[in-house]
């Protein structure tokens, strides 16, 4: 007899919930790791944002296996929250200094902002399975 339905397969919403749990937990792990790096070494290499974006996008695309736009939004949102909380932690949660730092027009601030924007873009593009 031909069995049409795969009863062990998970649905779209179940895959999204799985990707949501894994990506949020990975974001929390990266937050803890970044806070430890800042506290131990007293500097923070911003290129680690790109590594975090790569790992989060990899987890979402491989374990979520979704093609919808919401998987991309999830990846970009996780990386955005990671960058926002890490940058606020670096400046001591002083939101005024945080805004002044990111809105200044010197070359170093613009290059750091471009690294952060590229990390968010990378997570957005690579979080869903579209080849």
N, C-alpha and C. Protein backbone atom coordinates (compact mmCIF):
# COMPACT_ATOMS: atom_id res chain seq x y z
N UNK A 1 0.85 -1.18 0.00
CA UNK A 1 0.00 0.00 0.00
C UNK A 1 0.89 1.24 0.00
N UNK A 2 0.50 2.23 -0.73
CA UNK A 2 1.25 3.46 -0.85
C UNK A 2 0.92 4.39 0.31
N UNK A 3 1.95 4.82 1.03
CA UNK A 3 1.76 5.74 2.15
C UNK A 3 2.10 7.15 1.67
N UNK A 4 1.10 8.00 1.55
CA UNK A 4 1.29 9.32 0.98
C UNK A 4 1.88 10.30 1.98
N UNK A 5 1.46 10.24 3.21
CA UNK A 5 1.88 11.20 4.22
C UNK A 5 3.05 10.69 5.03
N UNK A 6 3.99 11.57 5.30
CA UNK A 6 5.12 11.26 6.16
C UNK A 6 4.77 11.77 7.55
N UNK A 7 4.34 10.89 8.41
CA UNK A 7 3.85 11.30 9.73
C UNK A 7 4.97 11.77 10.65
N UNK A 8 6.21 11.42 10.36
CA UNK A 8 7.31 11.85 11.23
C UNK A 8 7.85 13.22 10.83
N UNK A 9 7.43 13.73 9.68
CA UNK A 9 7.90 15.05 9.24
C UNK A 9 7.25 16.14 10.09
N UNK A 10 8.01 17.19 10.32
CA UNK A 10 7.46 18.30 11.11
C UNK A 10 6.95 19.38 10.17
N UNK A 11 6.01 20.16 10.64
CA UNK A 11 5.38 21.17 9.81
C UNK A 11 6.22 22.44 9.76
N UNK A 12 5.76 23.39 8.96
CA UNK A 12 6.43 24.68 8.84
C UNK A 12 6.53 25.40 10.17
N UNK A 13 5.42 25.42 10.90
CA UNK A 13 5.40 26.13 12.18
C UNK A 13 6.29 25.44 13.21
N UNK A 14 6.34 24.11 13.18
CA UNK A 14 7.22 23.40 14.11
C UNK A 14 8.68 23.66 13.78
N UNK A 15 9.03 23.73 12.49
CA UNK A 15 10.40 24.06 12.11
C UNK A 15 10.76 25.48 12.53
N UNK A 16 9.80 26.41 12.40
CA UNK A 16 10.08 27.78 12.82
C UNK A 16 10.27 27.87 14.33
N UNK A 17 9.44 27.15 15.08
CA UNK A 17 9.59 27.16 16.54
C UNK A 17 10.93 26.55 16.95
N UNK A 18 11.35 25.51 16.25
CA UNK A 18 12.65 24.90 16.52
C UNK A 18 13.78 25.88 16.21
N UNK A 19 13.68 26.57 15.07
CA UNK A 19 14.69 27.57 14.71
C UNK A 19 14.68 28.72 15.69
N UNK A 20 13.49 29.12 16.16
CA UNK A 20 13.38 30.22 17.12
C UNK A 20 14.07 29.88 18.43
N UNK A 21 13.81 28.70 18.95
CA UNK A 21 14.42 28.29 20.22
C UNK A 21 15.93 28.18 20.08
N UNK A 22 16.40 27.57 19.00
CA UNK A 22 17.84 27.40 18.83
C UNK A 22 18.55 28.73 18.58
N UNK A 23 17.95 29.61 17.80
CA UNK A 23 18.63 30.87 17.51
C UNK A 23 18.64 31.80 18.72
N UNK A 24 17.56 31.84 19.48
CA UNK A 24 17.54 32.68 20.69
C UNK A 24 18.52 32.15 21.72
N UNK A 25 18.58 30.83 21.88
CA UNK A 25 19.53 30.26 22.84
C UNK A 25 20.97 30.49 22.38
N UNK A 26 21.23 30.41 21.09
CA UNK A 26 22.57 30.70 20.58
C UNK A 26 22.93 32.17 20.75
N UNK A 27 21.94 33.05 20.60
CA UNK A 27 22.17 34.47 20.82
C UNK A 27 22.54 34.73 22.27
N UNK A 28 21.86 34.08 23.19
CA UNK A 28 22.18 34.24 24.62
C UNK A 28 23.58 33.71 24.91
N UNK A 29 23.95 32.59 24.30
CA UNK A 29 25.30 32.04 24.50
C UNK A 29 26.35 33.02 23.97
N UNK A 30 26.10 33.61 22.80
CA UNK A 30 27.05 34.60 22.28
C UNK A 30 27.10 35.85 23.15
N UNK A 31 25.97 36.26 23.69
CA UNK A 31 25.98 37.42 24.61
C UNK A 31 26.85 37.15 25.82
N UNK A 32 26.71 35.98 26.41
CA UNK A 32 27.52 35.62 27.58
C UNK A 32 28.99 35.56 27.20
N UNK A 33 29.28 34.97 26.04
CA UNK A 33 30.68 34.88 25.60
C UNK A 33 31.28 36.25 25.34
N UNK A 34 30.52 37.14 24.72
CA UNK A 34 31.04 38.48 24.44
C UNK A 34 31.25 39.28 25.71
N UNK A 35 30.36 39.13 26.68
CA UNK A 35 30.53 39.82 27.96
C UNK A 35 31.79 39.30 28.67
N UNK A 36 32.02 38.00 28.61
CA UNK A 36 33.24 37.45 29.21
C UNK A 36 34.49 37.95 28.50
N UNK A 37 34.44 38.06 27.18
CA UNK A 37 35.60 38.57 26.44
C UNK A 37 35.89 40.02 26.83
N UNK A 38 34.84 40.82 26.94
CA UNK A 38 35.05 42.23 27.32
C UNK A 38 35.60 42.33 28.73
N UNK A 39 35.09 41.52 29.64
CA UNK A 39 35.55 41.59 31.03
C UNK A 39 36.96 41.04 31.21
N UNK A 40 37.32 40.01 30.46
CA UNK A 40 38.64 39.41 30.64
C UNK A 40 39.74 40.18 29.91
N UNK A 41 39.47 40.63 28.69
CA UNK A 41 40.53 41.22 27.87
C UNK A 41 40.42 42.74 27.75
N UNK A 42 39.33 43.33 28.20
CA UNK A 42 39.11 44.77 28.20
C UNK A 42 39.17 45.40 26.81
N UNK A 43 38.87 44.63 25.80
CA UNK A 43 38.67 45.14 24.45
C UNK A 43 37.72 44.19 23.75
N UNK A 44 37.18 44.63 22.65
CA UNK A 44 36.21 43.79 21.96
C UNK A 44 36.43 43.88 20.45
N UNK A 45 36.88 42.81 19.84
CA UNK A 45 37.03 42.81 18.38
C UNK A 45 35.66 42.69 17.71
N UNK A 46 35.27 43.68 16.97
CA UNK A 46 33.93 43.73 16.38
C UNK A 46 33.74 42.73 15.25
N UNK A 47 34.81 42.13 14.76
CA UNK A 47 34.65 41.12 13.73
C UNK A 47 33.99 39.85 14.26
N UNK A 48 33.93 39.73 15.57
CA UNK A 48 33.21 38.59 16.14
C UNK A 48 31.71 38.67 15.88
N UNK A 49 31.22 39.86 15.57
CA UNK A 49 29.81 39.98 15.18
C UNK A 49 29.54 39.19 13.91
N UNK A 50 30.48 39.25 12.99
CA UNK A 50 30.30 38.50 11.74
C UNK A 50 30.33 37.00 12.01
N UNK A 51 31.20 36.55 12.89
CA UNK A 51 31.24 35.13 13.24
C UNK A 51 29.94 34.69 13.91
N UNK A 52 29.40 35.54 14.76
CA UNK A 52 28.12 35.22 15.39
C UNK A 52 26.99 35.19 14.37
N UNK A 53 27.01 36.12 13.43
CA UNK A 53 25.99 36.14 12.38
C UNK A 53 26.08 34.88 11.53
N UNK A 54 27.29 34.45 11.23
CA UNK A 54 27.47 33.22 10.47
C UNK A 54 26.90 32.02 11.21
N UNK A 55 27.21 31.90 12.50
CA UNK A 55 26.73 30.76 13.30
C UNK A 55 25.21 30.78 13.45
N UNK A 56 24.64 31.94 13.71
CA UNK A 56 23.19 32.02 13.87
C UNK A 56 22.48 31.70 12.56
N UNK A 57 22.98 32.22 11.45
CA UNK A 57 22.37 31.93 10.15
C UNK A 57 22.51 30.45 9.80
N UNK A 58 23.64 29.86 10.14
CA UNK A 58 23.86 28.44 9.88
C UNK A 58 22.87 27.58 10.66
N UNK A 59 22.68 27.90 11.92
CA UNK A 59 21.76 27.13 12.76
C UNK A 59 20.33 27.27 12.25
N UNK A 60 19.92 28.47 11.91
CA UNK A 60 18.56 28.67 11.43
C UNK A 60 18.33 27.97 10.10
N UNK A 61 19.29 28.06 9.19
CA UNK A 61 19.08 27.46 7.87
C UNK A 61 19.15 25.93 7.92
N UNK A 62 19.99 25.37 8.78
CA UNK A 62 20.11 23.91 8.82
C UNK A 62 19.08 23.24 9.70
N UNK A 63 18.71 23.84 10.81
CA UNK A 63 17.75 23.20 11.70
C UNK A 63 16.32 23.67 11.47
N UNK A 64 16.16 24.88 10.92
CA UNK A 64 14.82 25.36 10.61
C UNK A 64 14.39 24.94 9.21
N UNK A 65 15.34 24.92 8.30
CA UNK A 65 15.11 24.54 6.90
C UNK A 65 13.88 25.21 6.30
N UNK A 66 13.76 26.49 6.52
CA UNK A 66 12.60 27.21 6.02
C UNK A 66 12.95 28.09 4.83
N UNK A 67 11.95 28.33 4.00
CA UNK A 67 12.15 29.19 2.84
C UNK A 67 11.36 30.49 2.98
N UNK A 68 10.62 30.64 4.05
CA UNK A 68 9.82 31.84 4.22
C UNK A 68 10.69 33.02 4.68
N UNK A 69 10.14 34.19 4.51
CA UNK A 69 10.83 35.41 4.90
C UNK A 69 11.02 35.49 6.41
N UNK A 70 10.15 34.85 7.17
CA UNK A 70 10.25 34.96 8.63
C UNK A 70 11.52 34.33 9.18
N UNK A 71 12.10 33.37 8.49
CA UNK A 71 13.38 32.81 8.92
C UNK A 71 14.50 33.84 8.75
N UNK A 72 14.46 34.59 7.66
CA UNK A 72 15.45 35.65 7.46
C UNK A 72 15.29 36.76 8.49
N UNK A 73 14.06 37.13 8.77
CA UNK A 73 13.81 38.16 9.77
C UNK A 73 14.26 37.70 11.14
N UNK A 74 14.06 36.43 11.46
CA UNK A 74 14.52 35.88 12.74
C UNK A 74 16.03 35.98 12.86
N UNK A 75 16.75 35.60 11.82
CA UNK A 75 18.21 35.68 11.86
C UNK A 75 18.71 37.10 12.02
N UNK A 76 18.14 38.02 11.25
CA UNK A 76 18.55 39.42 11.34
C UNK A 76 18.20 40.02 12.69
N UNK A 77 17.04 39.66 13.23
CA UNK A 77 16.62 40.19 14.53
C UNK A 77 17.52 39.67 15.66
N UNK A 78 17.90 38.39 15.60
CA UNK A 78 18.80 37.85 16.63
C UNK A 78 20.15 38.54 16.61
N UNK A 79 20.69 38.76 15.42
CA UNK A 79 21.99 39.43 15.31
C UNK A 79 21.87 40.89 15.72
N UNK A 80 20.76 41.55 15.37
CA UNK A 80 20.56 42.95 15.77
C UNK A 80 20.49 43.08 17.29
N UNK A 81 19.76 42.19 17.95
CA UNK A 81 19.68 42.23 19.41
C UNK A 81 21.04 41.96 20.03
N UNK A 82 21.78 41.02 19.46
CA UNK A 82 23.12 40.71 19.95
C UNK A 82 24.03 41.93 19.85
N UNK A 83 24.02 42.60 18.71
CA UNK A 83 24.86 43.78 18.52
C UNK A 83 24.42 44.91 19.43
N UNK A 84 23.13 45.12 19.54
CA UNK A 84 22.61 46.21 20.37
C UNK A 84 22.99 46.01 21.84
N UNK A 85 22.77 44.83 22.37
CA UNK A 85 23.06 44.59 23.78
C UNK A 85 24.57 44.62 24.04
N UNK A 86 25.36 44.06 23.13
CA UNK A 86 26.82 44.09 23.32
C UNK A 86 27.37 45.51 23.27
N UNK A 87 26.89 46.30 22.32
CA UNK A 87 27.37 47.69 22.24
C UNK A 87 26.93 48.51 23.44
N UNK A 88 25.70 48.28 23.90
CA UNK A 88 25.25 48.98 25.10
C UNK A 88 26.04 48.54 26.33
N UNK A 89 26.41 47.27 26.39
CA UNK A 89 27.22 46.80 27.53
C UNK A 89 28.60 47.43 27.50
N UNK A 90 29.16 47.59 26.30
CA UNK A 90 30.50 48.17 26.19
C UNK A 90 30.51 49.61 26.69
N UNK A 91 29.46 50.38 26.42
CA UNK A 91 29.42 51.78 26.86
C UNK A 91 28.75 51.93 28.22
N UNK A 92 28.48 50.85 28.91
CA UNK A 92 27.92 50.91 30.25
C UNK A 92 26.44 51.23 30.27
N UNK A 93 25.72 50.81 29.24
CA UNK A 93 24.27 51.03 29.10
C UNK A 93 23.90 52.51 29.15
N UNK A 94 24.81 53.35 28.67
CA UNK A 94 24.55 54.79 28.54
C UNK A 94 24.04 55.03 27.12
N UNK A 95 22.73 55.17 26.98
CA UNK A 95 22.11 55.25 25.67
C UNK A 95 22.49 56.53 24.93
N UNK A 96 22.70 57.61 25.66
CA UNK A 96 23.12 58.86 25.03
C UNK A 96 24.49 58.73 24.39
N UNK A 97 25.43 58.14 25.11
CA UNK A 97 26.77 57.94 24.56
C UNK A 97 26.73 56.94 23.41
N UNK A 98 25.87 55.94 23.52
CA UNK A 98 25.72 54.95 22.47
C UNK A 98 25.27 55.62 21.17
N UNK A 99 24.27 56.49 21.25
CA UNK A 99 23.80 57.19 20.05
C UNK A 99 24.85 58.14 19.50
N UNK A 100 25.53 58.85 20.39
CA UNK A 100 26.57 59.77 19.93
C UNK A 100 27.71 59.01 19.27
N UNK A 101 28.03 57.84 19.77
CA UNK A 101 29.10 57.03 19.21
C UNK A 101 28.74 56.52 17.81
N UNK A 102 27.51 56.08 17.65
CA UNK A 102 27.10 55.50 16.36
C UNK A 102 26.70 56.55 15.33
N UNK A 103 26.41 57.76 15.75
CA UNK A 103 26.01 58.79 14.81
C UNK A 103 27.13 59.76 14.48
N UNK A 104 28.33 59.51 15.00
CA UNK A 104 29.47 60.37 14.67
C UNK A 104 29.96 60.03 13.26
N UNK A 105 30.61 61.01 12.64
CA UNK A 105 31.01 60.85 11.25
C UNK A 105 32.52 60.75 11.07
N UNK A 106 33.18 60.04 11.94
CA UNK A 106 34.59 59.78 11.71
C UNK A 106 34.74 58.40 11.08
N UNK A 107 35.90 58.15 10.49
CA UNK A 107 36.09 56.94 9.71
C UNK A 107 35.97 55.67 10.54
N UNK A 108 36.50 55.68 11.76
CA UNK A 108 36.47 54.46 12.58
C UNK A 108 35.04 54.10 12.98
N UNK A 109 34.23 55.09 13.32
CA UNK A 109 32.85 54.81 13.69
C UNK A 109 32.06 54.31 12.50
N UNK A 110 32.30 54.89 11.33
CA UNK A 110 31.58 54.44 10.14
C UNK A 110 31.99 53.03 9.76
N UNK A 111 33.26 52.70 9.87
CA UNK A 111 33.71 51.35 9.52
C UNK A 111 33.15 50.32 10.51
N UNK A 112 33.06 50.67 11.78
CA UNK A 112 32.48 49.75 12.75
C UNK A 112 30.99 49.57 12.51
N UNK A 113 30.32 50.66 12.15
CA UNK A 113 28.90 50.55 11.83
C UNK A 113 28.68 49.70 10.58
N UNK A 114 29.58 49.81 9.61
CA UNK A 114 29.44 48.99 8.41
C UNK A 114 29.64 47.51 8.70
N UNK A 115 30.54 47.18 9.62
CA UNK A 115 30.71 45.78 10.03
C UNK A 115 29.44 45.26 10.67
N UNK A 116 28.82 46.08 11.51
CA UNK A 116 27.59 45.65 12.17
C UNK A 116 26.45 45.51 11.17
N UNK A 117 26.34 46.45 10.24
CA UNK A 117 25.28 46.37 9.23
C UNK A 117 25.50 45.16 8.33
N UNK A 118 26.73 44.90 7.93
CA UNK A 118 27.01 43.74 7.10
C UNK A 118 26.71 42.44 7.83
N UNK A 119 26.96 42.39 9.13
CA UNK A 119 26.65 41.19 9.91
C UNK A 119 25.15 40.93 9.93
N UNK A 120 24.36 41.98 10.12
CA UNK A 120 22.90 41.83 10.11
C UNK A 120 22.43 41.41 8.72
N UNK A 121 23.00 42.00 7.68
CA UNK A 121 22.63 41.65 6.31
C UNK A 121 23.00 40.19 6.01
N UNK A 122 24.17 39.76 6.44
CA UNK A 122 24.60 38.39 6.21
C UNK A 122 23.63 37.40 6.88
N UNK A 123 23.23 37.70 8.10
CA UNK A 123 22.29 36.82 8.80
C UNK A 123 20.93 36.82 8.09
N UNK A 124 20.51 37.97 7.57
CA UNK A 124 19.23 38.04 6.87
C UNK A 124 19.25 37.21 5.60
N UNK A 125 20.31 37.30 4.83
CA UNK A 125 20.37 36.62 3.55
C UNK A 125 20.54 35.11 3.72
N UNK A 126 21.32 34.69 4.69
CA UNK A 126 21.68 33.28 4.80
C UNK A 126 20.86 32.49 5.81
N UNK A 127 19.83 33.06 6.39
CA UNK A 127 19.06 32.33 7.39
C UNK A 127 18.00 31.41 6.80
N UNK A 128 17.65 31.62 5.58
CA UNK A 128 16.67 30.72 4.98
C UNK A 128 17.31 29.95 3.84
N UNK A 129 16.67 28.87 3.48
CA UNK A 129 17.23 27.96 2.49
C UNK A 129 16.74 28.38 1.11
N UNK A 130 17.44 29.28 0.49
CA UNK A 130 17.15 29.70 -0.88
C UNK A 130 18.48 29.73 -1.61
N UNK A 131 18.65 28.88 -2.54
CA UNK A 131 19.93 28.79 -3.27
C UNK A 131 19.74 29.23 -4.70
